[in-house]
């Protein structure tokens, strides 16, 4: 279940999977929409970030905190509020989600703050969205996804809508992330031209 209370923070997790641009754009869009963001990340995220983004993760982290009001928490900070079920949130998205992180969540591993926050989201019955970045998928990957899907987790691979005939990679990333965010019941993430209206066929 997802809360519609916009005063509650939304938890964003960024793992070390390839696809750092997806996590970065998700933070930017959610901030633009006025959401309170509590962000957790993994050590691998900080390693992958400069390879895919071109700058250290700490540079973006500082910018998010200073300019967007994002609250970020280190991977080992188990005293962070999002590690407790008594701290109310609007739900959580992990974007991108590595297979290691997905496996740990499916087995309640909680070896870092991101995994613990996801475990809390699950046990409290809140909306959890995972954006896995891996191909091809092994039977173990699929079994872990199925386990989570049966618990109500939304599994949303970042698959482009090719019929939109994108002009650039940035357009692909922006459209993907906006579509993914609608699974958190945020229809306003999509531009008006791409929203479905009840009177349309």
C-alpha atoms as a PDB file:
ATOM      1  CA  UNK A   1       0.000   0.000   0.000  1.00  0.00           C
ATOM      2  CA  UNK A   2       1.216   3.492  -0.752  1.00  0.00           C
ATOM      3  CA  UNK A   3       0.398   6.552   1.295  1.00  0.00           C
ATOM      4  CA  UNK A   4      -0.880   9.616  -0.542  1.00  0.00           C
ATOM      5  CA  UNK A   5       0.368  11.909   2.228  1.00  0.00           C
ATOM      6  CA  UNK A   6       2.798  14.242   0.450  1.00  0.00           C
ATOM      7  CA  UNK A   7       4.233  15.336   3.799  1.00  0.00           C
ATOM      8  CA  UNK A   8       5.749  11.893   4.301  1.00  0.00           C
ATOM      9  CA  UNK A   9       9.266  11.339   2.931  1.00  0.00           C
ATOM     10  CA  UNK A  10       9.869   9.037  -0.004  1.00  0.00           C
ATOM     11  CA  UNK A  11      12.866   6.748   0.363  1.00  0.00           C
ATOM     12  CA  UNK A  12      15.166   6.477  -2.650  1.00  0.00           C
ATOM     13  CA  UNK A  13      17.839   3.785  -2.755  1.00  0.00           C
ATOM     14  CA  UNK A  14      20.662   3.734  -5.295  1.00  0.00           C
ATOM     15  CA  UNK A  15      22.654   0.513  -5.569  1.00  0.00           C
ATOM     16  CA  UNK A  16      25.873  -0.195  -7.440  1.00  0.00           C
ATOM     17  CA  UNK A  17      24.246  -1.580 -10.556  1.00  0.00           C
ATOM     18  CA  UNK A  18      24.957   0.043 -13.886  1.00  0.00           C
ATOM     19  CA  UNK A  19      22.339   2.705 -14.528  1.00  0.00           C
ATOM     20  CA  UNK A  20      23.470   5.495 -12.225  1.00  0.00           C
ATOM     21  CA  UNK A  21      21.830   7.991 -14.599  1.00  0.00           C
ATOM     22  CA  UNK A  22      18.447   6.517 -13.691  1.00  0.00           C
ATOM     23  CA  UNK A  23      18.969   7.124  -9.983  1.00  0.00           C
ATOM     24  CA  UNK A  24      20.288  10.609 -10.555  1.00  0.00           C
ATOM     25  CA  UNK A  25      17.324  11.619 -12.719  1.00  0.00           C
ATOM     26  CA  UNK A  26      14.846  10.086 -10.271  1.00  0.00           C
ATOM     27  CA  UNK A  27      16.184  12.282  -7.463  1.00  0.00           C
ATOM     28  CA  UNK A  28      15.965  15.372  -9.677  1.00  0.00           C
ATOM     29  CA  UNK A  29      12.388  14.709 -10.829  1.00  0.00           C
ATOM     30  CA  UNK A  30      11.111  13.885  -7.337  1.00  0.00           C
ATOM     31  CA  UNK A  31      12.704  17.075  -6.005  1.00  0.00           C
ATOM     32  CA  UNK A  32      11.128  19.089  -8.830  1.00  0.00           C
ATOM     33  CA  UNK A  33       7.744  17.634  -7.855  1.00  0.00           C
ATOM     34  CA  UNK A  34       8.238  18.743  -4.252  1.00  0.00           C
ATOM     35  CA  UNK A  35       8.752  15.384  -2.569  1.00  0.00           C
ATOM     36  CA  UNK A  36      10.750  15.019   0.600  1.00  0.00           C
ATOM     37  CA  UNK A  37      13.542  12.596  -0.253  1.00  0.00           C
ATOM     38  CA  UNK A  38      15.444  10.381   2.160  1.00  0.00           C
ATOM     39  CA  UNK A  39      18.243   8.715   0.214  1.00  0.00           C
ATOM     40  CA  UNK A  40      20.304   5.623   0.943  1.00  0.00           C
ATOM     41  CA  UNK A  41      23.018   4.159  -1.246  1.00  0.00           C
ATOM     42  CA  UNK A  42      25.579   1.377  -1.301  1.00  0.00           C
ATOM     43  CA  UNK A  43      29.362   1.418  -1.335  1.00  0.00           C
ATOM     44  CA  UNK A  44      29.239  -0.007  -4.857  1.00  0.00           C
ATOM     45  CA  UNK A  45      27.077   2.941  -5.931  1.00  0.00           C
ATOM     46  CA  UNK A  46      29.854   5.344  -4.979  1.00  0.00           C
ATOM     47  CA  UNK A  47      32.317   3.223  -6.985  1.00  0.00           C
ATOM     48  CA  UNK A  48      30.181   3.057 -10.139  1.00  0.00           C
ATOM     49  CA  UNK A  49      29.086   6.711 -10.041  1.00  0.00           C
ATOM     50  CA  UNK A  50      32.238   8.407 -11.413  1.00  0.00           C
ATOM     51  CA  UNK A  51      32.505   5.822 -14.185  1.00  0.00           C
ATOM     52  CA  UNK A  52      28.975   6.502 -15.462  1.00  0.00           C
ATOM     53  CA  UNK A  53      28.320  10.100 -14.357  1.00  0.00           C
ATOM     54  CA  UNK A  54      31.838  11.498 -14.633  1.00  0.00           C
ATOM     55  CA  UNK A  55      32.023  13.036 -11.161  1.00  0.00           C
ATOM     56  CA  UNK A  56      32.381  11.557  -7.647  1.00  0.00           C
ATOM     57  CA  UNK A  57      29.137  10.497  -5.968  1.00  0.00           C
ATOM     58  CA  UNK A  58      29.916  12.782  -3.033  1.00  0.00           C
ATOM     59  CA  UNK A  59      29.738  15.781  -5.369  1.00  0.00           C
ATOM     60  CA  UNK A  60      26.164  14.974  -6.411  1.00  0.00           C
ATOM     61  CA  UNK A  61      25.289  13.998  -2.848  1.00  0.00           C
ATOM     62  CA  UNK A  62      26.412  17.410  -1.566  1.00  0.00           C
ATOM     63  CA  UNK A  63      24.492  19.191  -4.329  1.00  0.00           C
ATOM     64  CA  UNK A  64      21.304  17.264  -3.551  1.00  0.00           C
ATOM     65  CA  UNK A  65      21.580  18.103   0.132  1.00  0.00           C
ATOM     66  CA  UNK A  66      22.387  21.795  -0.361  1.00  0.00           C
ATOM     67  CA  UNK A  67      20.191  22.623  -3.349  1.00  0.00           C
ATOM     68  CA  UNK A  68      17.347  20.086  -3.270  1.00  0.00           C
ATOM     69  CA  UNK A  69      16.947  19.464   0.462  1.00  0.00           C
ATOM     70  CA  UNK A  70      17.599  15.726   0.113  1.00  0.00           C
ATOM     71  CA  UNK A  71      18.541  13.927   3.317  1.00  0.00           C
ATOM     72  CA  UNK A  72      21.197  11.309   2.596  1.00  0.00           C
ATOM     73  CA  UNK A  73      22.467   8.544   4.844  1.00  0.00           C
ATOM     74  CA  UNK A  74      25.656   6.496   4.634  1.00  0.00           C
ATOM     75  CA  UNK A  75      25.417   2.734   3.992  1.00  0.00           C
ATOM     76  CA  UNK A  76      26.455   1.916   7.567  1.00  0.00           C
ATOM     77  CA  UNK A  77      24.163   4.432   9.280  1.00  0.00           C
ATOM     78  CA  UNK A  78      21.710   2.038  10.924  1.00  0.00           C
ATOM     79  CA  UNK A  79      20.628   4.826  13.284  1.00  0.00           C
ATOM     80  CA  UNK A  80      19.030   6.624  10.343  1.00  0.00           C
ATOM     81  CA  UNK A  81      15.254   7.035  10.747  1.00  0.00           C
ATOM     82  CA  UNK A  82      14.501   4.936   7.644  1.00  0.00           C
ATOM     83  CA  UNK A  83      15.961   1.874   9.392  1.00  0.00           C
ATOM     84  CA  UNK A  84      12.974   1.804  11.766  1.00  0.00           C
ATOM     85  CA  UNK A  85       9.428   0.768  10.982  1.00  0.00           C
ATOM     86  CA  UNK A  86       8.118   3.346  13.438  1.00  0.00           C
ATOM     87  CA  UNK A  87       9.305   6.094  11.074  1.00  0.00           C
ATOM     88  CA  UNK A  88       6.501   6.679   8.550  1.00  0.00           C
ATOM     89  CA  UNK A  89       7.355   7.004   4.862  1.00  0.00           C
ATOM     90  CA  UNK A  90       5.439   7.153   1.602  1.00  0.00           C
ATOM     91  CA  UNK A  91       7.245   4.090   0.280  1.00  0.00           C
ATOM     92  CA  UNK A  92      10.575   3.308  -1.346  1.00  0.00           C
ATOM     93  CA  UNK A  93      12.158   2.927  -4.765  1.00  0.00           C
ATOM     94  CA  UNK A  94      15.540   1.324  -5.490  1.00  0.00           C
ATOM     95  CA  UNK A  95      16.834   2.695  -8.790  1.00  0.00           C
ATOM     96  CA  UNK A  96      18.885   1.066 -10.154  1.00  0.00           C
ATOM     97  CA  UNK A  97      18.687  -2.190  -8.211  1.00  0.00           C
ATOM     98  CA  UNK A  98      21.576  -4.642  -8.560  1.00  0.00           C
ATOM     99  CA  UNK A  99      20.958  -8.381  -8.424  1.00  0.00           C
ATOM    100  CA  UNK A 100      22.975  -8.504  -5.208  1.00  0.00           C
ATOM    101  CA  UNK A 101      20.695  -5.934  -3.602  1.00  0.00           C
ATOM    102  CA  UNK A 102      17.568  -7.608  -4.958  1.00  0.00           C
ATOM    103  CA  UNK A 103      18.730 -10.987  -3.627  1.00  0.00           C
ATOM    104  CA  UNK A 104      19.457  -9.540  -0.199  1.00  0.00           C
ATOM    105  CA  UNK A 105      16.047  -7.840  -0.046  1.00  0.00           C
ATOM    106  CA  UNK A 106      14.292 -11.071  -1.053  1.00  0.00           C
ATOM    107  CA  UNK A 107      16.058 -12.873   1.806  1.00  0.00           C
ATOM    108  CA  UNK A 108      15.760 -10.059   4.387  1.00  0.00           C
ATOM    109  CA  UNK A 109      19.549  -9.700   4.473  1.00  0.00           C
ATOM    110  CA  UNK A 110      19.738  -6.089   5.676  1.00  0.00           C
ATOM    111  CA  UNK A 111      23.524  -5.915   5.369  1.00  0.00           C
ATOM    112  CA  UNK A 112      23.457  -2.160   4.744  1.00  0.00           C
ATOM    113  CA  UNK A 113      21.040   0.720   5.297  1.00  0.00           C
ATOM    114  CA  UNK A 114      19.479   0.479   1.826  1.00  0.00           C
ATOM    115  CA  UNK A 115      18.615  -3.176   2.337  1.00  0.00           C
ATOM    116  CA  UNK A 116      17.362  -2.494   5.860  1.00  0.00           C
ATOM    117  CA  UNK A 117      15.143   0.352   4.622  1.00  0.00           C
ATOM    118  CA  UNK A 118      13.696  -1.960   1.964  1.00  0.00           C
ATOM    119  CA  UNK A 119      13.093  -4.649   4.586  1.00  0.00           C
ATOM    120  CA  UNK A 120      11.294  -2.104   6.756  1.00  0.00           C
ATOM    121  CA  UNK A 121       9.194  -0.989   3.778  1.00  0.00           C
ATOM    122  CA  UNK A 122       8.164  -4.598   3.187  1.00  0.00           C
ATOM    123  CA  UNK A 123       7.368  -5.480   6.774  1.00  0.00           C
ATOM    124  CA  UNK A 124       5.295  -2.326   7.222  1.00  0.00           C
ATOM    125  CA  UNK A 125       3.279  -3.076   4.082  1.00  0.00           C
ATOM    126  CA  UNK A 126       4.384   0.030   2.193  1.00  0.00           C
ATOM    127  CA  UNK A 127       4.957   0.339  -1.551  1.00  0.00           C
ATOM    128  CA  UNK A 128       8.357  -0.937  -2.677  1.00  0.00           C
ATOM    129  CA  UNK A 129       9.525  -0.515  -6.272  1.00  0.00           C
ATOM    130  CA  UNK A 130      12.705  -2.155  -7.577  1.00  0.00           C
ATOM    131  CA  UNK A 131      14.308  -1.238 -10.902  1.00  0.00           C
ATOM    132  CA  UNK A 132      16.609  -4.190 -11.728  1.00  0.00           C
ATOM    133  CA  UNK A 133      19.449  -3.683 -14.179  1.00  0.00           C
ATOM    134  CA  UNK A 134      20.774  -7.012 -15.417  1.00  0.00           C
ATOM    135  CA  UNK A 135      20.667  -9.126 -18.566  1.00  0.00           C
ATOM    136  CA  UNK A 136      20.435 -11.959 -19.270  1.00  0.00           C
ATOM    137  CA  UNK A 137      18.561 -13.082 -16.176  1.00  0.00           C
ATOM    138  CA  UNK A 138      19.368 -16.406 -14.509  1.00  0.00           C
ATOM    139  CA  UNK A 139      16.758 -18.649 -12.922  1.00  0.00           C
ATOM    140  CA  UNK A 140      17.959 -17.442  -9.509  1.00  0.00           C
ATOM    141  CA  UNK A 141      17.400 -13.816 -10.516  1.00  0.00           C
ATOM    142  CA  UNK A 142      13.890 -14.650 -11.707  1.00  0.00           C
ATOM    143  CA  UNK A 143      13.081 -16.664  -8.588  1.00  0.00           C
ATOM    144  CA  UNK A 144      14.133 -13.773  -6.354  1.00  0.00           C
ATOM    145  CA  UNK A 145      11.989 -11.376  -8.382  1.00  0.00           C
ATOM    146  CA  UNK A 146       9.020 -13.740  -8.200  1.00  0.00           C
ATOM    147  CA  UNK A 147       9.414 -14.053  -4.430  1.00  0.00           C
ATOM    148  CA  UNK A 148       9.273 -10.284  -4.077  1.00  0.00           C
ATOM    149  CA  UNK A 149       6.476  -9.834  -6.615  1.00  0.00           C
ATOM    150  CA  UNK A 150       4.330 -12.243  -4.625  1.00  0.00           C
ATOM    151  CA  UNK A 151       4.866  -9.973  -1.616  1.00  0.00           C
ATOM    152  CA  UNK A 152       3.507  -7.016  -3.586  1.00  0.00           C
ATOM    153  CA  UNK A 153       6.830  -5.505  -4.663  1.00  0.00           C
ATOM    154  CA  UNK A 154       6.691  -3.759  -8.039  1.00  0.00           C
ATOM    155  CA  UNK A 155       9.484  -5.041 -10.303  1.00  0.00           C
ATOM    156  CA  UNK A 156      10.029  -2.459 -13.051  1.00  0.00           C
ATOM    157  CA  UNK A 157      12.931  -3.129 -15.435  1.00  0.00           C
ATOM    158  CA  UNK A 158      14.026   0.032 -17.277  1.00  0.00           C
ATOM    159  CA  UNK A 159      12.804  -0.972 -20.742  1.00  0.00           C
ATOM    160  CA  UNK A 160      12.515   1.926 -23.229  1.00  0.00           C
ATOM    161  CA  UNK A 161       9.263   2.618 -25.075  1.00  0.00           C
ATOM    162  CA  UNK A 162      10.808   2.446 -28.524  1.00  0.00           C
ATOM    163  CA  UNK A 163       7.673   3.668 -30.276  1.00  0.00           C
ATOM    164  CA  UNK A 164       8.283   7.126 -28.803  1.00  0.00           C
ATOM    165  CA  UNK A 165      11.240   7.527 -31.197  1.00  0.00           C
ATOM    166  CA  UNK A 166      13.636   9.199 -28.795  1.00  0.00           C
ATOM    167  CA  UNK A 167      15.952  11.976 -29.950  1.00  0.00           C
ATOM    168  CA  UNK A 168      18.726  11.372 -27.405  1.00  0.00           C
ATOM    169  CA  UNK A 169      19.903   9.169 -24.535  1.00  0.00           C
ATOM    170  CA  UNK A 170      18.873  11.894 -22.095  1.00  0.00           C
ATOM    171  CA  UNK A 171      15.341  11.707 -23.499  1.00  0.00           C
ATOM    172  CA  UNK A 172      15.341   7.931 -23.039  1.00  0.00           C
ATOM    173  CA  UNK A 173      16.483   8.240 -19.426  1.00  0.00           C
ATOM    174  CA  UNK A 174      14.015  11.005 -18.578  1.00  0.00           C
ATOM    175  CA  UNK A 175      11.056   9.144 -20.098  1.00  0.00           C
ATOM    176  CA  UNK A 176      12.041   5.851 -18.453  1.00  0.00           C
ATOM    177  CA  UNK A 177      12.359   7.393 -15.010  1.00  0.00           C
ATOM    178  CA  UNK A 178       9.102   9.319 -15.290  1.00  0.00           C
ATOM    179  CA  UNK A 179       7.251   6.148 -16.304  1.00  0.00           C
ATOM    180  CA  UNK A 180       8.876   4.199 -13.458  1.00  0.00           C
ATOM    181  CA  UNK A 181       7.846   6.840 -10.915  1.00  0.00           C
ATOM    182  CA  UNK A 182       4.181   6.379 -11.845  1.00  0.00           C
ATOM    183  CA  UNK A 183       4.389   2.948 -10.153  1.00  0.00           C
ATOM    184  CA  UNK A 184       4.710   4.911  -6.907  1.00  0.00           C
ATOM    185  CA  UNK A 185       1.301   6.448  -7.689  1.00  0.00           C
ATOM    186  CA  UNK A 186       2.853   9.688  -8.886  1.00  0.00           C
ATOM    187  CA  UNK A 187       0.973  10.341 -12.152  1.00  0.00           C
ATOM    188  CA  UNK A 188       2.270  13.899 -12.255  1.00  0.00           C
ATOM    189  CA  UNK A 189       5.739  12.494 -12.966  1.00  0.00           C
ATOM    190  CA  UNK A 190       4.609  12.140 -16.576  1.00  0.00           C
ATOM    191  CA  UNK A 191       4.260  15.271 -18.713  1.00  0.00           C
ATOM    192  CA  UNK A 192       0.589  16.062 -19.547  1.00  0.00           C
ATOM    193  CA  UNK A 193       1.059  14.951 -23.155  1.00  0.00           C
ATOM    194  CA  UNK A 194       1.894  11.414 -22.013  1.00  0.00           C
ATOM    195  CA  UNK A 195      -0.779  10.942 -19.355  1.00  0.00           C
ATOM    196  CA  UNK A 196      -3.796   8.734 -19.907  1.00  0.00           C
ATOM    197  CA  UNK A 197      -7.182  10.407 -19.621  1.00  0.00           C
ATOM    198  CA  UNK A 198     -10.349   8.513 -18.886  1.00  0.00           C
ATOM    199  CA  UNK A 199     -12.201   9.893 -21.902  1.00  0.00           C
ATOM    200  CA  UNK A 200      -9.558   8.657 -24.329  1.00  0.00           C
ATOM    201  CA  UNK A 201      -9.664   5.363 -26.215  1.00  0.00           C
END
